[in-house]
Amino acid sequence: QAQLVESGGGLVQAGGSLRLSCAASGRTFSSYVMGWFRQAPGKEREFVAAFSWSYGRTYYGNSARGRFTISRDNAQNTVYLQMNSLKPEDTAVYYCAAKVDRLGMNVYTPIYDYWGQGTQVTVSS
């Protein structure tokens, strides 16, 4: 059974950095789009970033662009989210997600085939 497991969340001061990891297992995800979403209390799930290995493209949400970097290691079946210059408004549960990669697909909406359980990121001011 396919499974995504996030790690790397925690408490950090504003301006600091964190690196989230998402370990995928149960199948090969090399032909999947791997994405990161986040959800703060009382808010909708928000797109953060996604990586298409098949088409060599990365995608970023407005809040992540310029501060966050998504990458993946297919050999390790792992996707990473490097987060720099963190702000208190980045506080949320961060989720890893995956879906089959198709040219022209919408990666921004939270309609994915697989989801992790989430990892909490808290940024203090």
C-alpha atoms as a PDB file:
ATOM      1  CA  GLN A   1       0.000   0.000   0.000  1.00  0.00           C
ATOM      2  CA  ALA A   2       1.339   3.428  -0.950  1.00  0.00           C
ATOM      3  CA  GLN A   3       2.286   5.581   1.987  1.00  0.00           C
ATOM      4  CA  LEU A   4       3.685   9.068   2.495  1.00  0.00           C
ATOM      5  CA  VAL A   5       5.348   9.993   5.783  1.00  0.00           C
ATOM      6  CA  GLU A   6       6.393  13.553   6.575  1.00  0.00           C
ATOM      7  CA  SER A   7       9.060  14.585   9.036  1.00  0.00           C
ATOM      8  CA  GLY A   8      11.132  17.621   9.946  1.00  0.00           C
ATOM      9  CA  GLY A   9       8.490  19.891  11.410  1.00  0.00           C
ATOM     10  CA  GLY A  10       8.979  21.723  14.679  1.00  0.00           C
ATOM     11  CA  LEU A  11       9.212  25.058  16.417  1.00  0.00           C
ATOM     12  CA  VAL A  12      11.424  27.747  14.938  1.00  0.00           C
ATOM     13  CA  GLN A  13      11.848  31.469  15.405  1.00  0.00           C
ATOM     14  CA  ALA A  14      10.885  33.926  12.713  1.00  0.00           C
ATOM     15  CA  GLY A  15      13.642  34.210  10.145  1.00  0.00           C
ATOM     16  CA  GLY A  16      14.788  30.664  10.737  1.00  0.00           C
ATOM     17  CA  SER A  17      14.752  27.626   8.469  1.00  0.00           C
ATOM     18  CA  LEU A  18      13.338  24.137   8.434  1.00  0.00           C
ATOM     19  CA  ARG A  19      13.635  21.252   6.007  1.00  0.00           C
ATOM     20  CA  LEU A  20      10.664  18.957   5.656  1.00  0.00           C
ATOM     21  CA  SER A  21      10.993  15.475   4.240  1.00  0.00           C
ATOM     22  CA  CYS A  22       8.387  13.179   2.746  1.00  0.00           C
ATOM     23  CA  ALA A  23       9.324   9.544   2.469  1.00  0.00           C
ATOM     24  CA  ALA A  24       7.237   7.599  -0.032  1.00  0.00           C
ATOM     25  CA  SER A  25       6.857   3.846   0.072  1.00  0.00           C
ATOM     26  CA  GLY A  26       4.715   1.091  -1.329  1.00  0.00           C
ATOM     27  CA  ARG A  27       5.167   2.027  -4.967  1.00  0.00           C
ATOM     28  CA  THR A  28       7.452   3.954  -7.292  1.00  0.00           C
ATOM     29  CA  PHE A  29       6.591   7.640  -7.354  1.00  0.00           C
ATOM     30  CA  SER A  30       8.925   8.689 -10.164  1.00  0.00           C
ATOM     31  CA  SER A  31       5.950   9.238 -12.499  1.00  0.00           C
ATOM     32  CA  TYR A  32       3.989  11.186  -9.900  1.00  0.00           C
ATOM     33  CA  VAL A  33       3.711  14.852  -9.105  1.00  0.00           C
ATOM     34  CA  MET A  34       4.818  15.348  -5.510  1.00  0.00           C
ATOM     35  CA  GLY A  35       3.351  18.304  -3.726  1.00  0.00           C
ATOM     36  CA  TRP A  36       3.296  20.117  -0.432  1.00  0.00           C
ATOM     37  CA  PHE A  37       0.214  21.734   1.051  1.00  0.00           C
ATOM     38  CA  ARG A  38      -0.395  23.367   4.389  1.00  0.00           C
ATOM     39  CA  GLN A  39      -3.391  24.038   6.564  1.00  0.00           C
ATOM     40  CA  ALA A  40      -3.648  26.487   9.430  1.00  0.00           C
ATOM     41  CA  PRO A  41      -6.466  26.282  12.005  1.00  0.00           C
ATOM     42  CA  GLY A  42      -9.719  27.587  10.577  1.00  0.00           C
ATOM     43  CA  LYS A  43      -8.297  27.950   7.072  1.00  0.00           C
ATOM     44  CA  GLU A  44      -8.494  25.949   3.873  1.00  0.00           C
ATOM     45  CA  ARG A  45      -5.695  23.709   2.734  1.00  0.00           C
ATOM     46  CA  GLU A  46      -3.257  25.853   0.778  1.00  0.00           C
ATOM     47  CA  PHE A  47      -0.907  24.893  -2.031  1.00  0.00           C
ATOM     48  CA  VAL A  48       2.763  25.408  -1.197  1.00  0.00           C
ATOM     49  CA  ALA A  49       4.868  23.725  -3.882  1.00  0.00           C
ATOM     50  CA  ALA A  50       4.981  20.796  -6.292  1.00  0.00           C
ATOM     51  CA  PHE A  51       7.568  18.953  -8.365  1.00  0.00           C
ATOM     52  CA  SER A  52       7.034  17.178 -11.665  1.00  0.00           C
ATOM     53  CA  TRP A  53       9.904  14.849 -12.382  1.00  0.00           C
ATOM     54  CA  SER A  54       8.377  13.705 -15.683  1.00  0.00           C
ATOM     55  CA  TYR A  55       8.284  17.220 -17.096  1.00  0.00           C
ATOM     56  CA  GLY A  56      11.080  18.781 -15.079  1.00  0.00           C
ATOM     57  CA  ARG A  57       8.934  21.507 -13.609  1.00  0.00           C
ATOM     58  CA  THR A  58       8.510  23.037 -10.192  1.00  0.00           C
ATOM     59  CA  TYR A  59       5.524  25.026  -9.018  1.00  0.00           C
ATOM     60  CA  TYR A  60       5.212  27.403  -6.081  1.00  0.00           C
ATOM     61  CA  GLY A  61       2.379  29.130  -4.324  1.00  0.00           C
ATOM     62  CA  ASN A  62       2.599  32.872  -3.767  1.00  0.00           C
ATOM     63  CA  SER A  63       3.466  32.456  -0.107  1.00  0.00           C
ATOM     64  CA  ALA A  64       6.354  30.107  -0.867  1.00  0.00           C
ATOM     65  CA  ARG A  65       7.928  31.678  -3.920  1.00  0.00           C
ATOM     66  CA  GLY A  66      11.393  33.025  -3.206  1.00  0.00           C
ATOM     67  CA  ARG A  67      11.628  31.473   0.261  1.00  0.00           C
ATOM     68  CA  PHE A  68      10.862  27.774  -0.145  1.00  0.00           C
ATOM     69  CA  THR A  69      12.476  25.209  -2.414  1.00  0.00           C
ATOM     70  CA  ILE A  70      11.050  21.829  -3.344  1.00  0.00           C
ATOM     71  CA  SER A  71      13.276  19.010  -4.472  1.00  0.00           C
ATOM     72  CA  ARG A  72      13.108  15.254  -4.766  1.00  0.00           C
ATOM     73  CA  ASP A  73      15.403  12.302  -4.690  1.00  0.00           C
ATOM     74  CA  ASN A  74      13.908   9.568  -6.823  1.00  0.00           C
ATOM     75  CA  ALA A  75      16.499   7.062  -5.737  1.00  0.00           C
ATOM     76  CA  GLN A  76      15.406   7.559  -2.150  1.00  0.00           C
ATOM     77  CA  ASN A  77      11.742   8.057  -3.058  1.00  0.00           C
ATOM     78  CA  THR A  78      11.819  11.219  -0.996  1.00  0.00           C
ATOM     79  CA  VAL A  79      10.690  14.786  -1.568  1.00  0.00           C
ATOM     80  CA  TYR A  80      11.964  17.742   0.426  1.00  0.00           C
ATOM     81  CA  LEU A  81      10.748  21.220   1.226  1.00  0.00           C
ATOM     82  CA  GLN A  82      13.455  23.631   2.284  1.00  0.00           C
ATOM     83  CA  MET A  83      11.856  26.590   4.035  1.00  0.00           C
ATOM     84  CA  ASN A  84      13.883  29.726   4.680  1.00  0.00           C
ATOM     85  CA  SER A  85      13.031  33.133   6.130  1.00  0.00           C
ATOM     86  CA  LEU A  86      10.099  31.647   7.966  1.00  0.00           C
ATOM     87  CA  LYS A  87       7.317  33.909   9.195  1.00  0.00           C
ATOM     88  CA  PRO A  88       4.697  33.408  11.892  1.00  0.00           C
ATOM     89  CA  GLU A  89       2.069  33.176   9.147  1.00  0.00           C
ATOM     90  CA  ASP A  90       3.819  30.037   7.883  1.00  0.00           C
ATOM     91  CA  THR A  91       2.577  28.254  10.982  1.00  0.00           C
ATOM     92  CA  ALA A  92       0.456  25.306   9.843  1.00  0.00           C
ATOM     93  CA  VAL A  93       0.329  21.566   9.443  1.00  0.00           C
ATOM     94  CA  TYR A  94       2.263  20.685   6.303  1.00  0.00           C
ATOM     95  CA  TYR A  95       1.123  17.771   4.174  1.00  0.00           C
ATOM     96  CA  CYS A  96       2.887  15.829   1.477  1.00  0.00           C
ATOM     97  CA  ALA A  97       0.766  14.601  -1.431  1.00  0.00           C
ATOM     98  CA  ALA A  98       1.164  12.670  -4.674  1.00  0.00           C
ATOM     99  CA  LYS A  99      -0.785  12.076  -7.854  1.00  0.00           C
ATOM    100  CA  VAL A 100      -0.145  10.668 -11.290  1.00  0.00           C
ATOM    101  CA  ASP A 101       1.695  13.180 -13.449  1.00  0.00           C
ATOM    102  CA  ARG A 102      -0.025  14.337 -16.634  1.00  0.00           C
ATOM    103  CA  LEU A 103       0.946  17.231 -18.895  1.00  0.00           C
ATOM    104  CA  GLY A 104      -1.197  20.281 -18.257  1.00  0.00           C
ATOM    105  CA  MET A 105      -2.730  18.981 -15.040  1.00  0.00           C
ATOM    106  CA  ASN A 106      -3.692  21.310 -12.214  1.00  0.00           C
ATOM    107  CA  VAL A 107      -1.278  20.829  -9.339  1.00  0.00           C
ATOM    108  CA  TYR A 108      -2.597  23.719  -7.258  1.00  0.00           C
ATOM    109  CA  THR A 109      -5.845  22.278  -5.951  1.00  0.00           C
ATOM    110  CA  PRO A 110      -5.715  19.714  -3.135  1.00  0.00           C
ATOM    111  CA  ILE A 111      -7.025  16.856  -5.258  1.00  0.00           C
ATOM    112  CA  TYR A 112      -4.310  14.256  -4.972  1.00  0.00           C
ATOM    113  CA  ASP A 113      -4.316  10.478  -4.798  1.00  0.00           C
ATOM    114  CA  TYR A 114      -2.146  10.058  -1.723  1.00  0.00           C
ATOM    115  CA  TRP A 115      -1.612  12.137   1.396  1.00  0.00           C
ATOM    116  CA  GLY A 116       0.696  11.983   4.378  1.00  0.00           C
ATOM    117  CA  GLN A 117      -0.435  12.457   7.951  1.00  0.00           C
ATOM    118  CA  GLY A 118       1.080  15.935   8.215  1.00  0.00           C
ATOM    119  CA  THR A 119       3.815  17.548  10.255  1.00  0.00           C
ATOM    120  CA  GLN A 120       3.359  20.631  12.418  1.00  0.00           C
ATOM    121  CA  VAL A 121       5.424  23.736  11.725  1.00  0.00           C
ATOM    122  CA  THR A 122       5.244  26.528  14.272  1.00  0.00           C
ATOM    123  CA  VAL A 123       7.024  29.828  13.733  1.00  0.00           C
ATOM    124  CA  SER A 124       7.300  32.102  16.742  1.00  0.00           C
ATOM    125  CA  SER A 125       7.637  35.862  16.465  1.00  0.00           C
END
